[in-house]
Amino acid sequence: MEVINTLGRRKTAVARVYMTKGKGKFTINKKDYKDFFPIDVLQAKINQPFELTGTTGKYDLNVNVAGGGINGQVEAVRLGISRALVKINEENKPLLKEEGLMTRDPRMVERKKPGQPKARKKFQFSKR
């Protein structure tokens, strides 16, 4: 099996996922994923697609992730992993889609508008 290359995005985080057959070694930005994401909840999010499809420990991951915060990065990586698993085996798609892992979350920060202090907030109105 050659390297499977997919992309995952969430807010401003972008994750490039390179998946190969292996023993379950996950590298994120040249660090082990447990060092990069030290919180158990975040590690569980990364493992979620593998647990749903029953492929835990069968693939090695090399991930480059940039932008956004820690949670956005984890969810971007999770989307990239889910897309890679679907490329490997199309039968994984209904399982992952049912859990909402195949959906690109479009919610992003709304831009600041001119003449306002923030995106929606207005300067104080003075009648007189």
C-alpha atoms as a PDB file:
ATOM      1  CA  MET A   1       0.000   0.000   0.000  1.00  0.00           C
ATOM      2  CA  GLU A   2       1.299   3.420  -0.937  1.00  0.00           C
ATOM      3  CA  VAL A   3       0.930   6.571   1.130  1.00  0.00           C
ATOM      4  CA  ILE A   4      -2.634   7.917   1.299  1.00  0.00           C
ATOM      5  CA  ASN A   5      -2.734  11.697   1.475  1.00  0.00           C
ATOM      6  CA  THR A   6      -5.815  13.564   2.764  1.00  0.00           C
ATOM      7  CA  LEU A   7      -6.684  16.979   4.116  1.00  0.00           C
ATOM      8  CA  GLY A   8      -8.772  17.954   7.133  1.00  0.00           C
ATOM      9  CA  ARG A   9      -9.875  21.443   8.127  1.00  0.00           C
ATOM     10  CA  ARG A  10     -11.663  22.982  11.114  1.00  0.00           C
ATOM     11  CA  LYS A  11     -11.958  26.737  11.718  1.00  0.00           C
ATOM     12  CA  THR A  12      -8.491  27.990  10.685  1.00  0.00           C
ATOM     13  CA  ALA A  13      -6.655  24.717  11.421  1.00  0.00           C
ATOM     14  CA  VAL A  14      -5.425  22.676   8.450  1.00  0.00           C
ATOM     15  CA  ALA A  15      -4.159  19.099   8.838  1.00  0.00           C
ATOM     16  CA  ARG A  16      -2.359  17.173   6.098  1.00  0.00           C
ATOM     17  CA  VAL A  17      -2.583  13.457   6.888  1.00  0.00           C
ATOM     18  CA  TYR A  18      -0.264  10.836   5.357  1.00  0.00           C
ATOM     19  CA  MET A  19      -1.397   7.288   6.167  1.00  0.00           C
ATOM     20  CA  THR A  20       0.575   4.078   5.529  1.00  0.00           C
ATOM     21  CA  LYS A  21       0.249   0.467   6.673  1.00  0.00           C
ATOM     22  CA  GLY A  22       2.050  -0.026   9.976  1.00  0.00           C
ATOM     23  CA  LYS A  23       1.776  -0.671  13.679  1.00  0.00           C
ATOM     24  CA  GLY A  24      -0.235   2.349  14.863  1.00  0.00           C
ATOM     25  CA  LYS A  25       2.513   4.975  15.256  1.00  0.00           C
ATOM     26  CA  PHE A  26       1.076   8.507  15.087  1.00  0.00           C
ATOM     27  CA  THR A  27       3.433  11.426  14.444  1.00  0.00           C
ATOM     28  CA  ILE A  28       2.081  14.977  14.492  1.00  0.00           C
ATOM     29  CA  ASN A  29       4.475  17.780  13.491  1.00  0.00           C
ATOM     30  CA  LYS A  30       7.448  15.399  14.076  1.00  0.00           C
ATOM     31  CA  LYS A  31       6.304  14.619  17.646  1.00  0.00           C
ATOM     32  CA  ASP A  32       4.421  11.657  19.072  1.00  0.00           C
ATOM     33  CA  TYR A  33       0.699  12.451  19.213  1.00  0.00           C
ATOM     34  CA  LYS A  34       0.624  11.920  23.003  1.00  0.00           C
ATOM     35  CA  ASP A  35       3.255  14.660  23.398  1.00  0.00           C
ATOM     36  CA  PHE A  36       1.588  17.003  20.915  1.00  0.00           C
ATOM     37  CA  PHE A  37      -1.913  16.522  22.385  1.00  0.00           C
ATOM     38  CA  PRO A  38      -1.311  15.678  26.081  1.00  0.00           C
ATOM     39  CA  ILE A  39      -5.004  15.751  27.094  1.00  0.00           C
ATOM     40  CA  ASP A  40      -6.807  12.365  27.112  1.00  0.00           C
ATOM     41  CA  VAL A  41      -9.989  13.760  25.519  1.00  0.00           C
ATOM     42  CA  LEU A  42      -8.015  15.045  22.529  1.00  0.00           C
ATOM     43  CA  GLN A  43      -6.196  11.721  22.142  1.00  0.00           C
ATOM     44  CA  ALA A  44      -9.563   9.939  22.193  1.00  0.00           C
ATOM     45  CA  LYS A  45     -10.795  12.205  19.372  1.00  0.00           C
ATOM     46  CA  ILE A  46      -7.827  11.156  17.226  1.00  0.00           C
ATOM     47  CA  ASN A  47      -8.430   7.445  17.923  1.00  0.00           C
ATOM     48  CA  GLN A  48     -12.204   7.670  17.363  1.00  0.00           C
ATOM     49  CA  PRO A  49     -12.244   6.923  13.580  1.00  0.00           C
ATOM     50  CA  PHE A  50      -9.972   3.882  14.069  1.00  0.00           C
ATOM     51  CA  GLU A  51     -12.132   2.498  16.892  1.00  0.00           C
ATOM     52  CA  LEU A  52     -15.342   2.910  14.878  1.00  0.00           C
ATOM     53  CA  THR A  53     -13.908   1.105  11.842  1.00  0.00           C
ATOM     54  CA  GLY A  54     -11.991  -1.524  13.851  1.00  0.00           C
ATOM     55  CA  THR A  55      -8.611  -0.567  12.373  1.00  0.00           C
ATOM     56  CA  THR A  56      -6.799   0.367  15.601  1.00  0.00           C
ATOM     57  CA  GLY A  57      -3.058  -0.291  15.287  1.00  0.00           C
ATOM     58  CA  LYS A  58      -3.114  -1.135  11.567  1.00  0.00           C
ATOM     59  CA  TYR A  59      -1.908   2.190  10.138  1.00  0.00           C
ATOM     60  CA  ASP A  60       0.905   4.666  10.770  1.00  0.00           C
ATOM     61  CA  LEU A  61       0.128   8.370  10.564  1.00  0.00           C
ATOM     62  CA  ASN A  62       2.343  11.295   9.716  1.00  0.00           C
ATOM     63  CA  VAL A  63       0.437  14.564  10.170  1.00  0.00           C
ATOM     64  CA  ASN A  64       1.355  18.185   9.540  1.00  0.00           C
ATOM     65  CA  VAL A  65      -1.063  20.531  11.270  1.00  0.00           C
ATOM     66  CA  ALA A  66      -1.012  24.323  11.391  1.00  0.00           C
ATOM     67  CA  GLY A  67      -3.271  27.189  12.417  1.00  0.00           C
ATOM     68  CA  GLY A  68      -6.095  27.483  14.894  1.00  0.00           C
ATOM     69  CA  GLY A  69      -6.192  26.269  18.472  1.00  0.00           C
ATOM     70  CA  ILE A  70      -5.603  22.875  20.000  1.00  0.00           C
ATOM     71  CA  ASN A  71      -9.215  21.656  19.661  1.00  0.00           C
ATOM     72  CA  GLY A  72      -9.553  22.875  16.070  1.00  0.00           C
ATOM     73  CA  GLN A  73      -6.318  21.091  15.210  1.00  0.00           C
ATOM     74  CA  VAL A  74      -7.507  17.809  16.744  1.00  0.00           C
ATOM     75  CA  GLU A  75     -10.787  17.964  14.850  1.00  0.00           C
ATOM     76  CA  ALA A  76      -8.948  18.783  11.603  1.00  0.00           C
ATOM     77  CA  VAL A  77      -6.712  15.733  12.131  1.00  0.00           C
ATOM     78  CA  ARG A  78      -9.772  13.588  12.890  1.00  0.00           C
ATOM     79  CA  LEU A  79     -11.451  14.643   9.628  1.00  0.00           C
ATOM     80  CA  GLY A  80      -8.259  13.894   7.684  1.00  0.00           C
ATOM     81  CA  ILE A  81      -8.013  10.422   9.261  1.00  0.00           C
ATOM     82  CA  SER A  82     -11.682   9.706   8.479  1.00  0.00           C
ATOM     83  CA  ARG A  83     -11.211  10.707   4.842  1.00  0.00           C
ATOM     84  CA  ALA A  84      -8.114   8.499   4.576  1.00  0.00           C
ATOM     85  CA  LEU A  85      -9.996   5.493   6.005  1.00  0.00           C
ATOM     86  CA  VAL A  86     -12.748   6.018   3.430  1.00  0.00           C
ATOM     87  CA  LYS A  87     -10.120   6.141   0.635  1.00  0.00           C
ATOM     88  CA  ILE A  88      -8.774   2.791   1.869  1.00  0.00           C
ATOM     89  CA  ASN A  89     -12.178   1.121   2.213  1.00  0.00           C
ATOM     90  CA  GLU A  90     -15.401   2.703   0.932  1.00  0.00           C
ATOM     91  CA  GLU A  91     -17.433   0.547   3.379  1.00  0.00           C
ATOM     92  CA  ASN A  92     -16.157   2.697   6.262  1.00  0.00           C
ATOM     93  CA  LYS A  93     -18.082   5.746   5.031  1.00  0.00           C
ATOM     94  CA  PRO A  94     -21.541   4.948   6.514  1.00  0.00           C
ATOM     95  CA  LEU A  95     -20.007   4.136   9.925  1.00  0.00           C
ATOM     96  CA  LEU A  96     -18.052   7.397  10.041  1.00  0.00           C
ATOM     97  CA  LYS A  97     -20.847   9.493   8.554  1.00  0.00           C
ATOM     98  CA  GLU A  98     -23.283   8.225  11.202  1.00  0.00           C
ATOM     99  CA  GLU A  99     -20.990   9.614  13.933  1.00  0.00           C
ATOM    100  CA  GLY A 100     -20.566  12.920  12.043  1.00  0.00           C
ATOM    101  CA  LEU A 101     -16.873  12.410  11.292  1.00  0.00           C
ATOM    102  CA  MET A 102     -17.146  12.922   7.538  1.00  0.00           C
ATOM    103  CA  THR A 103     -18.637  16.413   7.819  1.00  0.00           C
ATOM    104  CA  ARG A 104     -16.441  19.483   7.418  1.00  0.00           C
ATOM    105  CA  ASP A 105     -17.544  21.850  10.193  1.00  0.00           C
ATOM    106  CA  PRO A 106     -18.006  25.200   8.387  1.00  0.00           C
ATOM    107  CA  ARG A 107     -18.276  27.405  11.494  1.00  0.00           C
ATOM    108  CA  MET A 108     -15.559  30.053  11.422  1.00  0.00           C
ATOM    109  CA  VAL A 109     -14.981  33.365  13.164  1.00  0.00           C
ATOM    110  CA  GLU A 110     -17.004  36.131  11.544  1.00  0.00           C
ATOM    111  CA  ARG A 111     -14.900  39.010  10.269  1.00  0.00           C
ATOM    112  CA  LYS A 112     -14.822  42.406  11.963  1.00  0.00           C
ATOM    113  CA  LYS A 113     -16.733  45.085  10.055  1.00  0.00           C
ATOM    114  CA  PRO A 114     -15.638  48.703   9.633  1.00  0.00           C
ATOM    115  CA  GLY A 115     -17.434  51.207  11.871  1.00  0.00           C
ATOM    116  CA  GLN A 116     -17.946  48.561  14.571  1.00  0.00           C
ATOM    117  CA  PRO A 117     -15.678  47.397  17.401  1.00  0.00           C
ATOM    118  CA  LYS A 118     -16.295  43.686  16.611  1.00  0.00           C
ATOM    119  CA  ALA A 119     -18.196  41.539  14.103  1.00  0.00           C
ATOM    120  CA  ARG A 120     -21.659  42.188  15.536  1.00  0.00           C
ATOM    121  CA  LYS A 121     -21.098  44.578  18.455  1.00  0.00           C
ATOM    122  CA  LYS A 122     -21.885  48.257  17.785  1.00  0.00           C
ATOM    123  CA  PHE A 123     -20.438  51.365  19.343  1.00  0.00           C
ATOM    124  CA  GLN A 124     -22.628  52.902  22.063  1.00  0.00           C
ATOM    125  CA  PHE A 125     -25.518  54.884  20.591  1.00  0.00           C
ATOM    126  CA  SER A 126     -25.999  58.398  21.888  1.00  0.00           C
ATOM    127  CA  LYS A 127     -29.341  60.015  21.150  1.00  0.00           C
ATOM    128  CA  ARG A 128     -28.211  63.499  22.227  1.00  0.00           C
END
